[in-house]
Amino acid sequence: MPKTAIVTGATGLIGNLLVQALLNDGSYERVRAIVRKPLPIQHPRLENVVVSFDDDRALAEALRGDVLFCCIGTTIKKAGSQAAFTAVDYGIPVKTAGIAIRNGVTQYHLVSAVGANARSANFYLRTKGQTEEALIQMGFPSLFIYRPSLLMGERKEVRFGEQVGQLFMPVFKFLMVGGWRKYRPVKAATVAATMLANAKSGAVGIKVVEGFAD
């Protein structure tokens, strides 16, 4: 039976690479990117669905498929405030997950962050952890949570901290062993490939992925 993969955050670093991986792989008959503006990609299996995340009716129609990959993410600086950041990094994943599970989507993949903890003193990590906990409570048959550290790859937007990290962190990468391994920088393409492999595995239950293998 034809399968549909849905991607939110498809214009971001991981999301864009994931869409390309899905289209190259061929395991899904349709790849639906839920975006605010169409992706500059042409492919017969790609559906660019332009919607507002405030439009519940449009989202209910768009979030019909087999698997939902959530690659949504911003920064407090870009969002402009903690409230605006929360609306994106908590509000959108939780809202789309709720609609998707009501539509019969059985598999959800969330890009979170290393160190995510709902009880963290750090606002960013606390928000990420709260998002994870909200999704766990929804009861998806299959839930994958990815906690990458510093992402390596070319973004369209400039994130100064990431650029500095990409220059210096690889030098210290091989010193990060044992419990520190999860803090190693990881290629965004590796995260995307891991997400696709897990989706195809058909595994059930809750799995948290840290310390990605190159």
N, C-alpha and C. Protein backbone atom coordinates (compact mmCIF):
# COMPACT_ATOMS: atom_id res chain seq x y z
N MET A 1 0.85 -1.20 0.00
CA MET A 1 0.00 0.00 0.00
C MET A 1 0.89 1.25 0.00
N PRO A 2 0.60 2.23 -0.86
CA PRO A 2 1.44 3.44 -0.92
C PRO A 2 1.51 4.15 0.43
N LYS A 3 2.71 4.62 0.75
CA LYS A 3 2.91 5.31 2.01
C LYS A 3 3.22 6.78 1.77
N THR A 4 2.82 7.60 2.75
CA THR A 4 3.06 9.04 2.69
C THR A 4 3.89 9.47 3.88
N ALA A 5 4.98 10.17 3.59
CA ALA A 5 5.82 10.76 4.64
C ALA A 5 5.56 12.26 4.66
N ILE A 6 5.39 12.80 5.86
CA ILE A 6 5.12 14.23 6.03
C ILE A 6 6.31 14.85 6.75
N VAL A 7 6.73 16.02 6.29
CA VAL A 7 7.87 16.70 6.90
C VAL A 7 7.48 18.13 7.25
N THR A 8 7.63 18.49 8.51
CA THR A 8 7.52 19.90 8.90
C THR A 8 8.94 20.40 9.18
N GLY A 9 9.16 21.68 8.91
CA GLY A 9 10.51 22.20 9.03
C GLY A 9 11.37 21.80 7.85
N ALA A 10 10.74 21.62 6.70
CA ALA A 10 11.45 21.11 5.52
C ALA A 10 12.41 22.12 4.90
N THR A 11 12.31 23.38 5.28
CA THR A 11 13.23 24.37 4.73
C THR A 11 14.49 24.53 5.59
N GLY A 12 14.52 23.88 6.75
CA GLY A 12 15.67 23.96 7.63
C GLY A 12 16.78 23.01 7.20
N LEU A 13 17.86 23.02 7.97
CA LEU A 13 19.05 22.24 7.60
C LEU A 13 18.75 20.75 7.53
N ILE A 14 18.24 20.18 8.62
CA ILE A 14 17.94 18.74 8.64
C ILE A 14 16.74 18.43 7.76
N GLY A 15 15.70 19.24 7.87
CA GLY A 15 14.48 18.97 7.12
C GLY A 15 14.69 18.93 5.63
N ASN A 16 15.48 19.85 5.10
CA ASN A 16 15.75 19.88 3.67
C ASN A 16 16.51 18.64 3.22
N LEU A 17 17.50 18.24 4.02
CA LEU A 17 18.27 17.04 3.70
C LEU A 17 17.40 15.79 3.80
N LEU A 18 16.48 15.78 4.75
CA LEU A 18 15.58 14.64 4.91
C LEU A 18 14.64 14.51 3.72
N VAL A 19 14.10 15.61 3.26
CA VAL A 19 13.22 15.57 2.09
C VAL A 19 13.97 14.99 0.89
N GLN A 20 15.19 15.44 0.68
CA GLN A 20 15.98 14.91 -0.43
C GLN A 20 16.25 13.42 -0.27
N ALA A 21 16.54 12.99 0.98
CA ALA A 21 16.80 11.57 1.23
C ALA A 21 15.54 10.74 0.97
N LEU A 22 14.39 11.25 1.37
CA LEU A 22 13.13 10.54 1.15
C LEU A 22 12.84 10.39 -0.34
N LEU A 23 13.10 11.45 -1.09
CA LEU A 23 12.84 11.41 -2.53
C LEU A 23 13.82 10.48 -3.24
N ASN A 24 15.04 10.43 -2.78
CA ASN A 24 16.05 9.55 -3.40
C ASN A 24 15.83 8.09 -3.04
N ASP A 25 15.23 7.85 -1.86
CA ASP A 25 15.08 6.48 -1.38
C ASP A 25 13.94 5.72 -2.07
N GLY A 26 12.82 6.36 -2.22
CA GLY A 26 11.71 5.72 -2.93
C GLY A 26 10.81 4.84 -2.09
N SER A 27 11.01 4.78 -0.78
CA SER A 27 10.17 3.93 0.07
C SER A 27 8.78 4.53 0.29
N TYR A 28 8.66 5.83 0.03
CA TYR A 28 7.38 6.50 0.24
C TYR A 28 6.85 7.02 -1.10
N GLU A 29 5.61 6.67 -1.37
CA GLU A 29 4.98 7.08 -2.63
C GLU A 29 4.83 8.60 -2.71
N ARG A 30 4.53 9.21 -1.55
CA ARG A 30 4.38 10.66 -1.50
C ARG A 30 5.24 11.22 -0.37
N VAL A 31 5.88 12.34 -0.64
CA VAL A 31 6.62 13.08 0.37
C VAL A 31 5.97 14.46 0.44
N ARG A 32 5.34 14.74 1.56
CA ARG A 32 4.58 15.98 1.70
C ARG A 32 5.33 16.95 2.63
N ALA A 33 5.76 18.05 2.09
CA ALA A 33 6.45 19.07 2.87
C ALA A 33 5.44 20.15 3.24
N ILE A 34 5.23 20.32 4.54
CA ILE A 34 4.31 21.36 5.02
C ILE A 34 5.16 22.60 5.28
N VAL A 35 4.94 23.61 4.45
CA VAL A 35 5.82 24.77 4.45
C VAL A 35 5.02 26.07 4.38
N ARG A 36 5.70 27.17 4.70
CA ARG A 36 5.09 28.49 4.54
C ARG A 36 5.35 29.04 3.14
N LYS A 37 6.41 28.54 2.49
CA LYS A 37 6.66 28.87 1.09
C LYS A 37 7.25 27.63 0.43
N PRO A 38 6.92 27.36 -0.83
CA PRO A 38 7.32 26.11 -1.49
C PRO A 38 8.83 25.90 -1.50
N LEU A 39 9.22 24.64 -1.38
CA LEU A 39 10.63 24.29 -1.53
C LEU A 39 11.05 24.46 -2.99
N PRO A 40 12.27 24.88 -3.23
CA PRO A 40 12.74 25.04 -4.62
C PRO A 40 13.22 23.71 -5.19
N ILE A 41 12.37 22.69 -5.04
CA ILE A 41 12.70 21.35 -5.52
C ILE A 41 11.56 20.86 -6.40
N GLN A 42 11.88 20.29 -7.53
CA GLN A 42 10.89 19.71 -8.42
C GLN A 42 11.04 18.19 -8.40
N HIS A 43 9.96 17.51 -8.07
CA HIS A 43 9.98 16.04 -8.07
C HIS A 43 8.55 15.54 -8.16
N PRO A 44 8.30 14.50 -8.95
CA PRO A 44 6.92 14.02 -9.12
C PRO A 44 6.28 13.48 -7.85
N ARG A 45 7.09 13.07 -6.87
CA ARG A 45 6.53 12.53 -5.63
C ARG A 45 6.46 13.55 -4.50
N LEU A 46 6.92 14.76 -4.77
CA LEU A 46 6.94 15.79 -3.74
C LEU A 46 5.69 16.65 -3.79
N GLU A 47 5.05 16.81 -2.64
CA GLU A 47 3.91 17.71 -2.50
C GLU A 47 4.33 18.88 -1.62
N ASN A 48 4.35 20.07 -2.19
CA ASN A 48 4.58 21.29 -1.41
C ASN A 48 3.23 21.79 -0.92
N VAL A 49 2.98 21.66 0.36
CA VAL A 49 1.71 22.10 0.92
C VAL A 49 1.96 23.37 1.73
N VAL A 50 1.52 24.49 1.19
CA VAL A 50 1.75 25.78 1.83
C VAL A 50 0.57 26.08 2.76
N VAL A 51 0.83 26.09 4.05
CA VAL A 51 -0.22 26.36 5.03
C VAL A 51 0.35 27.20 6.17
N SER A 52 -0.56 27.81 6.90
CA SER A 52 -0.20 28.48 8.15
C SER A 52 -0.42 27.50 9.29
N PHE A 53 0.47 27.48 10.25
CA PHE A 53 0.29 26.58 11.39
C PHE A 53 -0.83 27.04 12.31
N ASP A 54 -1.43 28.18 11.99
CA ASP A 54 -2.61 28.64 12.73
C ASP A 54 -3.90 28.17 12.09
N ASP A 55 -3.78 27.58 10.88
CA ASP A 55 -4.96 27.14 10.13
C ASP A 55 -5.24 25.67 10.45
N ASP A 56 -6.06 25.43 11.45
CA ASP A 56 -6.33 24.07 11.90
C ASP A 56 -6.98 23.20 10.82
N ARG A 57 -7.85 23.79 10.04
CA ARG A 57 -8.54 23.01 9.00
C ARG A 57 -7.57 22.55 7.93
N ALA A 58 -6.69 23.45 7.49
CA ALA A 58 -5.71 23.09 6.47
C ALA A 58 -4.71 22.06 7.02
N LEU A 59 -4.31 22.21 8.27
CA LEU A 59 -3.39 21.26 8.88
C LEU A 59 -4.02 19.88 8.99
N ALA A 60 -5.30 19.84 9.35
CA ALA A 60 -5.99 18.56 9.48
C ALA A 60 -6.00 17.79 8.16
N GLU A 61 -6.07 18.52 7.07
CA GLU A 61 -6.05 17.88 5.76
C GLU A 61 -4.63 17.47 5.37
N ALA A 62 -3.66 18.32 5.70
CA ALA A 62 -2.28 18.07 5.29
C ALA A 62 -1.62 16.96 6.11
N LEU A 63 -2.02 16.82 7.36
CA LEU A 63 -1.37 15.85 8.25
C LEU A 63 -2.02 14.48 8.18
N ARG A 64 -2.18 13.99 6.97
CA ARG A 64 -2.71 12.65 6.74
C ARG A 64 -1.63 11.83 6.04
N GLY A 65 -1.23 10.75 6.67
CA GLY A 65 -0.18 9.93 6.08
C GLY A 65 0.24 8.83 7.03
N ASP A 66 1.44 8.37 6.89
CA ASP A 66 1.93 7.24 7.68
C ASP A 66 2.95 7.64 8.73
N VAL A 67 3.78 8.62 8.38
CA VAL A 67 4.85 9.03 9.30
C VAL A 67 5.01 10.54 9.23
N LEU A 68 5.23 11.13 10.39
CA LEU A 68 5.45 12.58 10.46
C LEU A 68 6.83 12.85 11.03
N PHE A 69 7.64 13.57 10.27
CA PHE A 69 8.97 13.99 10.70
C PHE A 69 8.89 15.47 11.08
N CYS A 70 9.22 15.79 12.33
CA CYS A 70 9.18 17.17 12.77
C CYS A 70 10.60 17.70 12.92
N CYS A 71 10.98 18.56 11.99
CA CYS A 71 12.33 19.15 12.00
C CYS A 71 12.25 20.65 12.30
N ILE A 72 11.14 21.06 12.88
CA ILE A 72 10.92 22.46 13.23
C ILE A 72 11.89 22.88 14.33
N GLY A 73 12.43 24.08 14.19
CA GLY A 73 13.29 24.59 15.24
C GLY A 73 13.75 26.01 14.93
N THR A 74 13.91 26.81 15.95
CA THR A 74 14.39 28.17 15.78
C THR A 74 15.36 28.49 16.91
N THR A 75 15.71 29.73 17.05
CA THR A 75 16.53 30.18 18.17
C THR A 75 15.78 31.32 18.87
N ILE A 76 16.12 31.56 20.12
CA ILE A 76 15.47 32.64 20.84
C ILE A 76 15.79 33.97 20.15
N LYS A 77 17.02 34.11 19.66
CA LYS A 77 17.40 35.35 18.97
C LYS A 77 16.55 35.57 17.73
N LYS A 78 16.38 34.53 16.92
CA LYS A 78 15.59 34.67 15.70
C LYS A 78 14.11 34.86 16.02
N ALA A 79 13.59 34.12 17.01
CA ALA A 79 12.18 34.23 17.37
C ALA A 79 11.86 35.60 17.96
N GLY A 80 12.81 36.16 18.70
CA GLY A 80 12.61 37.49 19.26
C GLY A 80 12.26 37.54 20.73
N SER A 81 11.78 36.41 21.26
CA SER A 81 11.43 36.36 22.67
C SER A 81 11.27 34.90 23.09
N GLN A 82 11.26 34.66 24.39
CA GLN A 82 11.07 33.30 24.88
C GLN A 82 9.67 32.79 24.51
N ALA A 83 8.69 33.67 24.58
CA ALA A 83 7.32 33.27 24.24
C ALA A 83 7.21 32.86 22.77
N ALA A 84 7.83 33.64 21.91
CA ALA A 84 7.79 33.32 20.47
C ALA A 84 8.55 32.04 20.18
N PHE A 85 9.66 31.84 20.88
CA PHE A 85 10.43 30.61 20.73
C PHE A 85 9.59 29.41 21.14
N THR A 86 8.91 29.52 22.27
CA THR A 86 8.06 28.43 22.76
C THR A 86 6.95 28.10 21.77
N ALA A 87 6.39 29.12 21.14
CA ALA A 87 5.31 28.91 20.17
C ALA A 87 5.78 28.05 19.01
N VAL A 88 7.05 28.18 18.64
CA VAL A 88 7.59 27.40 17.53
C VAL A 88 8.07 26.03 17.98
N ASP A 89 8.98 26.00 18.96
CA ASP A 89 9.66 24.76 19.32
C ASP A 89 8.83 23.85 20.22
N TYR A 90 7.82 24.36 20.85
CA TYR A 90 6.89 23.53 21.62
C TYR A 90 5.52 23.49 20.93
N GLY A 91 5.01 24.67 20.61
CA GLY A 91 3.66 24.74 20.09
C GLY A 91 3.42 23.99 18.80
N ILE A 92 4.31 24.17 17.82
CA ILE A 92 4.10 23.52 16.51
C ILE A 92 4.26 21.99 16.59
N PRO A 93 5.34 21.48 17.21
CA PRO A 93 5.44 20.01 17.29
C PRO A 93 4.27 19.36 18.01
N VAL A 94 3.84 19.96 19.11
CA VAL A 94 2.76 19.37 19.89
C VAL A 94 1.42 19.47 19.15
N LYS A 95 1.19 20.60 18.54
CA LYS A 95 -0.07 20.78 17.80
C LYS A 95 -0.16 19.83 16.62
N THR A 96 0.90 19.76 15.82
CA THR A 96 0.87 18.88 14.65
C THR A 96 0.80 17.41 15.06
N ALA A 97 1.44 17.07 16.16
CA ALA A 97 1.38 15.68 16.64
C ALA A 97 -0.04 15.32 17.05
N GLY A 98 -0.72 16.23 17.73
CA GLY A 98 -2.09 15.96 18.15
C GLY A 98 -3.02 15.73 16.98
N ILE A 99 -2.87 16.56 15.95
CA ILE A 99 -3.70 16.40 14.75
C ILE A 99 -3.35 15.11 14.02
N ALA A 100 -2.05 14.84 13.91
CA ALA A 100 -1.60 13.67 13.17
C ALA A 100 -2.09 12.37 13.82
N ILE A 101 -1.99 12.28 15.13
CA ILE A 101 -2.39 11.03 15.77
C ILE A 101 -3.90 10.82 15.66
N ARG A 102 -4.66 11.90 15.65
CA ARG A 102 -6.11 11.78 15.43
C ARG A 102 -6.41 11.34 14.00
N ASN A 103 -5.50 11.66 13.09
CA ASN A 103 -5.65 11.26 11.68
C ASN A 103 -5.14 9.85 11.41
N GLY A 104 -4.61 9.19 12.44
CA GLY A 104 -4.14 7.82 12.25
C GLY A 104 -2.67 7.66 11.93
N VAL A 105 -1.90 8.75 12.00
CA VAL A 105 -0.46 8.65 11.81
C VAL A 105 0.12 7.85 12.98
N THR A 106 0.90 6.84 12.69
CA THR A 106 1.37 5.93 13.74
C THR A 106 2.83 6.14 14.13
N GLN A 107 3.54 6.96 13.36
CA GLN A 107 4.98 7.11 13.60
C GLN A 107 5.33 8.59 13.61
N TYR A 108 6.04 9.02 14.66
CA TYR A 108 6.42 10.42 14.80
C TYR A 108 7.90 10.51 15.10
N HIS A 109 8.59 11.41 14.40
CA HIS A 109 10.03 11.62 14.59
C HIS A 109 10.27 13.09 14.94
N LEU A 110 10.89 13.34 16.08
CA LEU A 110 11.13 14.70 16.54
C LEU A 110 12.63 14.99 16.61
N VAL A 111 13.05 16.10 16.01
CA VAL A 111 14.42 16.58 16.19
C VAL A 111 14.42 17.48 17.43
N SER A 112 15.07 17.03 18.47
CA SER A 112 15.16 17.78 19.73
C SER A 112 16.58 18.32 19.87
N ALA A 113 17.19 18.19 21.02
CA ALA A 113 18.55 18.70 21.22
C ALA A 113 19.22 17.95 22.35
N VAL A 114 20.53 17.77 22.25
CA VAL A 114 21.28 17.11 23.31
C VAL A 114 21.11 17.92 24.60
N GLY A 115 20.87 17.20 25.69
CA GLY A 115 20.68 17.86 26.97
C GLY A 115 19.25 18.24 27.27
N ALA A 116 18.32 17.94 26.37
CA ALA A 116 16.91 18.28 26.59
C ALA A 116 16.41 17.65 27.89
N ASN A 117 15.76 18.47 28.71
CA ASN A 117 15.27 17.99 30.01
C ASN A 117 14.20 18.95 30.49
N ALA A 118 13.02 18.44 30.73
CA ALA A 118 11.88 19.27 31.13
C ALA A 118 12.11 19.98 32.46
N ARG A 119 13.10 19.54 33.23
CA ARG A 119 13.39 20.17 34.53
C ARG A 119 14.72 20.92 34.53
N SER A 120 15.24 21.18 33.35
CA SER A 120 16.51 21.90 33.23
C SER A 120 16.34 23.36 33.66
N ALA A 121 17.41 23.93 34.23
CA ALA A 121 17.41 25.36 34.56
C ALA A 121 17.58 26.21 33.31
N ASN A 122 18.04 25.60 32.23
CA ASN A 122 18.24 26.31 30.97
C ASN A 122 16.92 26.35 30.20
N PHE A 123 16.48 27.55 29.84
CA PHE A 123 15.17 27.70 29.19
C PHE A 123 15.07 26.89 27.90
N TYR A 124 16.10 26.99 27.06
CA TYR A 124 16.10 26.29 25.78
C TYR A 124 15.95 24.78 25.98
N LEU A 125 16.78 24.20 26.84
CA LEU A 125 16.76 22.76 27.06
C LEU A 125 15.49 22.34 27.79
N ARG A 126 14.98 23.20 28.66
CA ARG A 126 13.72 22.88 29.35
C ARG A 126 12.56 22.82 28.36
N THR A 127 12.53 23.77 27.44
CA THR A 127 11.47 23.77 26.43
C THR A 127 11.54 22.52 25.56
N LYS A 128 12.74 22.15 25.16
CA LYS A 128 12.92 20.94 24.36
C LYS A 128 12.44 19.71 25.13
N GLY A 129 12.79 19.65 26.42
CA GLY A 129 12.38 18.52 27.24
C GLY A 129 10.87 18.47 27.44
N GLN A 130 10.26 19.62 27.61
CA GLN A 130 8.80 19.67 27.77
C GLN A 130 8.10 19.21 26.50
N THR A 131 8.68 19.54 25.36
CA THR A 131 8.12 19.08 24.08
C THR A 131 8.19 17.56 23.99
N GLU A 132 9.34 17.00 24.36
CA GLU A 132 9.49 15.55 24.35
C GLU A 132 8.45 14.88 25.24
N GLU A 133 8.29 15.40 26.46
CA GLU A 133 7.35 14.79 27.41
C GLU A 133 5.91 14.87 26.90
N ALA A 134 5.55 15.99 26.28
CA ALA A 134 4.19 16.13 25.74
C ALA A 134 3.93 15.09 24.66
N LEU A 135 4.92 14.85 23.81
CA LEU A 135 4.76 13.87 22.74
C LEU A 135 4.68 12.45 23.29
N ILE A 136 5.48 12.16 24.30
CA ILE A 136 5.45 10.82 24.91
C ILE A 136 4.06 10.53 25.47
N GLN A 137 3.43 11.54 26.05
CA GLN A 137 2.11 11.36 26.64
C GLN A 137 1.02 11.08 25.60
N MET A 138 1.27 11.41 24.34
CA MET A 138 0.26 11.23 23.30
C MET A 138 0.06 9.77 22.91
N GLY A 139 1.06 8.95 23.13
CA GLY A 139 0.89 7.53 22.88
C GLY A 139 1.05 7.07 21.45
N PHE A 140 1.93 7.70 20.70
CA PHE A 140 2.21 7.20 19.34
C PHE A 140 2.75 5.77 19.43
N PRO A 141 2.29 4.87 18.56
CA PRO A 141 2.85 3.51 18.56
C PRO A 141 4.36 3.51 18.36
N SER A 142 4.84 4.49 17.58
CA SER A 142 6.28 4.58 17.30
C SER A 142 6.69 6.05 17.43
N LEU A 143 7.59 6.31 18.39
CA LEU A 143 8.07 7.68 18.62
C LEU A 143 9.58 7.68 18.71
N PHE A 144 10.21 8.44 17.82
CA PHE A 144 11.66 8.58 17.83
C PHE A 144 12.01 10.02 18.18
N ILE A 145 12.91 10.19 19.13
CA ILE A 145 13.37 11.51 19.54
C ILE A 145 14.87 11.58 19.28
N TYR A 146 15.27 12.58 18.51
CA TYR A 146 16.68 12.73 18.13
C TYR A 146 17.27 13.92 18.88
N ARG A 147 18.41 13.68 19.51
CA ARG A 147 19.06 14.73 20.29
C ARG A 147 20.47 15.00 19.77
N PRO A 148 20.56 15.67 18.63
CA PRO A 148 21.89 15.98 18.10
C PRO A 148 22.56 17.08 18.90
N SER A 149 23.88 17.10 18.86
CA SER A 149 24.65 18.19 19.44
C SER A 149 24.85 19.24 18.35
N LEU A 150 26.01 19.84 18.27
CA LEU A 150 26.28 20.85 17.25
C LEU A 150 26.11 20.25 15.87
N LEU A 151 25.29 20.88 15.04
CA LEU A 151 25.04 20.38 13.70
C LEU A 151 26.06 20.92 12.70
N MET A 152 26.60 20.02 11.89
CA MET A 152 27.55 20.39 10.86
C MET A 152 26.82 20.40 9.51
N GLY A 153 26.92 21.51 8.81
CA GLY A 153 26.25 21.62 7.53
C GLY A 153 26.08 23.08 7.16
N GLU A 154 25.63 23.33 5.96
CA GLU A 154 25.48 24.69 5.46
C GLU A 154 24.03 25.14 5.60
N ARG A 155 23.82 26.12 6.46
CA ARG A 155 22.50 26.70 6.62
C ARG A 155 22.33 27.89 5.68
N LYS A 156 21.07 28.18 5.35
CA LYS A 156 20.78 29.38 4.58
C LYS A 156 20.93 30.61 5.47
N GLU A 157 20.56 30.45 6.75
CA GLU A 157 20.69 31.55 7.70
C GLU A 157 22.04 31.44 8.40
N VAL A 158 22.53 32.55 8.90
CA VAL A 158 23.81 32.58 9.60
C VAL A 158 23.58 32.45 11.10
N ARG A 159 24.19 31.42 11.70
CA ARG A 159 24.17 31.27 13.16
C ARG A 159 25.62 31.30 13.61
N PHE A 160 26.02 32.45 14.15
CA PHE A 160 27.43 32.69 14.44
C PHE A 160 28.01 31.62 15.36
N GLY A 161 27.26 31.26 16.41
CA GLY A 161 27.75 30.27 17.36
C GLY A 161 28.04 28.93 16.69
N GLU A 162 27.15 28.53 15.78
CA GLU A 162 27.36 27.27 15.06
C GLU A 162 28.57 27.36 14.15
N GLN A 163 28.76 28.51 13.51
CA GLN A 163 29.90 28.66 12.61
C GLN A 163 31.22 28.53 13.37
N VAL A 164 31.28 29.14 14.55
CA VAL A 164 32.48 29.03 15.37
C VAL A 164 32.68 27.59 15.82
N GLY A 165 31.58 26.96 16.24
CA GLY A 165 31.65 25.57 16.68
C GLY A 165 32.12 24.63 15.59
N GLN A 166 31.65 24.87 14.36
CA GLN A 166 32.05 24.02 13.25
C GLN A 166 33.54 24.12 12.95
N LEU A 167 34.12 25.25 13.31
CA LEU A 167 35.56 25.43 13.09
C LEU A 167 36.40 24.70 14.13
N PHE A 168 35.94 24.76 15.39
CA PHE A 168 36.79 24.29 16.48
C PHE A 168 36.39 22.93 17.09
N MET A 169 35.10 22.60 17.07
CA MET A 169 34.67 21.37 17.73
C MET A 169 35.25 20.11 17.12
N PRO A 170 35.42 20.02 15.79
CA PRO A 170 35.99 18.79 15.23
C PRO A 170 37.37 18.46 15.79
N VAL A 171 38.09 19.48 16.25
CA VAL A 171 39.42 19.26 16.82
C VAL A 171 39.32 18.44 18.11
N PHE A 172 38.24 18.68 18.87
CA PHE A 172 38.07 18.02 20.16
C PHE A 172 37.17 16.79 20.08
N LYS A 173 36.65 16.52 18.89
CA LYS A 173 35.66 15.45 18.72
C LYS A 173 36.11 14.12 19.30
N PHE A 174 37.33 13.72 19.02
CA PHE A 174 37.77 12.38 19.41
C PHE A 174 38.17 12.30 20.88
N LEU A 175 38.13 13.43 21.57
CA LEU A 175 38.32 13.42 23.02
C LEU A 175 37.00 13.15 23.74
N MET A 176 35.89 13.25 22.99
CA MET A 176 34.56 13.06 23.57
C MET A 176 34.19 11.59 23.47
N VAL A 177 34.47 10.86 24.51
CA VAL A 177 34.19 9.43 24.55
C VAL A 177 33.32 9.13 25.76
N GLY A 178 32.81 7.91 25.80
CA GLY A 178 31.98 7.51 26.92
C GLY A 178 30.74 8.38 27.01
N GLY A 179 30.48 8.91 28.20
CA GLY A 179 29.29 9.73 28.40
C GLY A 179 29.33 11.06 27.67
N TRP A 180 30.52 11.44 27.20
CA TRP A 180 30.66 12.70 26.47
C TRP A 180 30.41 12.53 24.97
N ARG A 181 30.27 11.29 24.51
CA ARG A 181 30.14 11.05 23.08
C ARG A 181 28.94 11.77 22.47
N LYS A 182 27.88 11.87 23.23
CA LYS A 182 26.66 12.49 22.70
C LYS A 182 26.84 13.97 22.40
N TYR A 183 27.91 14.57 22.92
CA TYR A 183 28.16 15.99 22.67
C TYR A 183 29.03 16.22 21.44
N ARG A 184 29.41 15.16 20.76
CA ARG A 184 30.20 15.32 19.54
C ARG A 184 29.39 16.04 18.47
N PRO A 185 30.03 16.90 17.69
CA PRO A 185 29.31 17.51 16.55
C PRO A 185 28.90 16.41 15.57
N VAL A 186 27.78 16.63 14.90
CA VAL A 186 27.25 15.61 13.99
C VAL A 186 26.81 16.27 12.69
N LYS A 187 27.06 15.60 11.59
CA LYS A 187 26.61 16.11 10.30
C LYS A 187 25.08 16.04 10.22
N ALA A 188 24.49 17.13 9.75
CA ALA A 188 23.04 17.16 9.59
C ALA A 188 22.57 16.03 8.68
N ALA A 189 23.37 15.71 7.67
CA ALA A 189 23.02 14.62 6.75
C ALA A 189 22.97 13.28 7.48
N THR A 190 23.81 13.12 8.50
CA THR A 190 23.80 11.87 9.29
C THR A 190 22.50 11.76 10.09
N VAL A 191 22.05 12.88 10.65
CA VAL A 191 20.79 12.88 11.38
C VAL A 191 19.64 12.53 10.44
N ALA A 192 19.61 13.15 9.28
CA ALA A 192 18.55 12.87 8.31
C ALA A 192 18.55 11.40 7.89
N ALA A 193 19.73 10.85 7.63
CA ALA A 193 19.84 9.45 7.21
C ALA A 193 19.38 8.52 8.33
N THR A 194 19.69 8.86 9.57
CA THR A 194 19.27 8.06 10.72
C THR A 194 17.75 8.08 10.86
N MET A 195 17.16 9.22 10.65
CA MET A 195 15.70 9.34 10.73
C MET A 195 15.03 8.46 9.68
N LEU A 196 15.53 8.51 8.47
CA LEU A 196 14.95 7.69 7.40
C LEU A 196 15.10 6.20 7.69
N ALA A 197 16.28 5.80 8.16
CA ALA A 197 16.52 4.38 8.46
C ALA A 197 15.58 3.90 9.57
N ASN A 198 15.39 4.72 10.59
CA ASN A 198 14.50 4.32 11.68
C ASN A 198 13.05 4.24 11.22
N ALA A 199 12.65 5.16 10.36
CA ALA A 199 11.28 5.13 9.84
C ALA A 199 11.03 3.84 9.06
N LYS A 200 12.00 3.43 8.28
CA LYS A 200 11.86 2.23 7.47
C LYS A 200 11.95 0.94 8.29
N SER A 201 12.53 1.03 9.49
CA SER A 201 12.71 -0.17 10.32
C SER A 201 11.40 -0.74 10.84
N GLY A 202 10.39 0.12 10.97
CA GLY A 202 9.11 -0.35 11.49
C GLY A 202 9.12 -0.60 12.99
N ALA A 203 10.16 -0.15 13.68
CA ALA A 203 10.26 -0.37 15.12
C ALA A 203 9.14 0.37 15.86
N VAL A 204 8.68 -0.22 16.96
CA VAL A 204 7.63 0.39 17.76
C VAL A 204 8.17 0.77 19.13
N GLY A 205 7.42 1.60 19.82
CA GLY A 205 7.84 2.05 21.14
C GLY A 205 8.50 3.42 21.06
N ILE A 206 9.17 3.79 22.15
CA ILE A 206 9.83 5.08 22.24
C ILE A 206 11.34 4.87 22.20
N LYS A 207 12.01 5.61 21.32
CA LYS A 207 13.46 5.50 21.22
C LYS A 207 14.09 6.89 21.18
N VAL A 208 15.06 7.13 22.06
CA VAL A 208 15.80 8.38 22.08
C VAL A 208 17.16 8.12 21.46
N VAL A 209 17.51 8.91 20.46
CA VAL A 209 18.76 8.71 19.72
C VAL A 209 19.74 9.82 20.07
N GLU A 210 20.89 9.43 20.61
CA GLU A 210 21.97 10.36 20.94
C GLU A 210 23.29 9.75 20.44
N GLY A 211 24.33 10.56 20.35
CA GLY A 211 25.63 10.02 19.97
C GLY A 211 25.61 9.36 18.61
N PHE A 212 25.29 10.12 17.59
CA PHE A 212 25.12 9.59 16.23
C PHE A 212 26.44 9.04 15.68
N ALA A 213 26.34 7.91 14.99
CA ALA A 213 27.51 7.33 14.34
C ALA A 213 27.73 7.98 12.99
N ASP A 214 28.97 8.35 12.70
CA ASP A 214 29.27 8.97 11.40
C ASP A 214 29.21 7.92 10.29
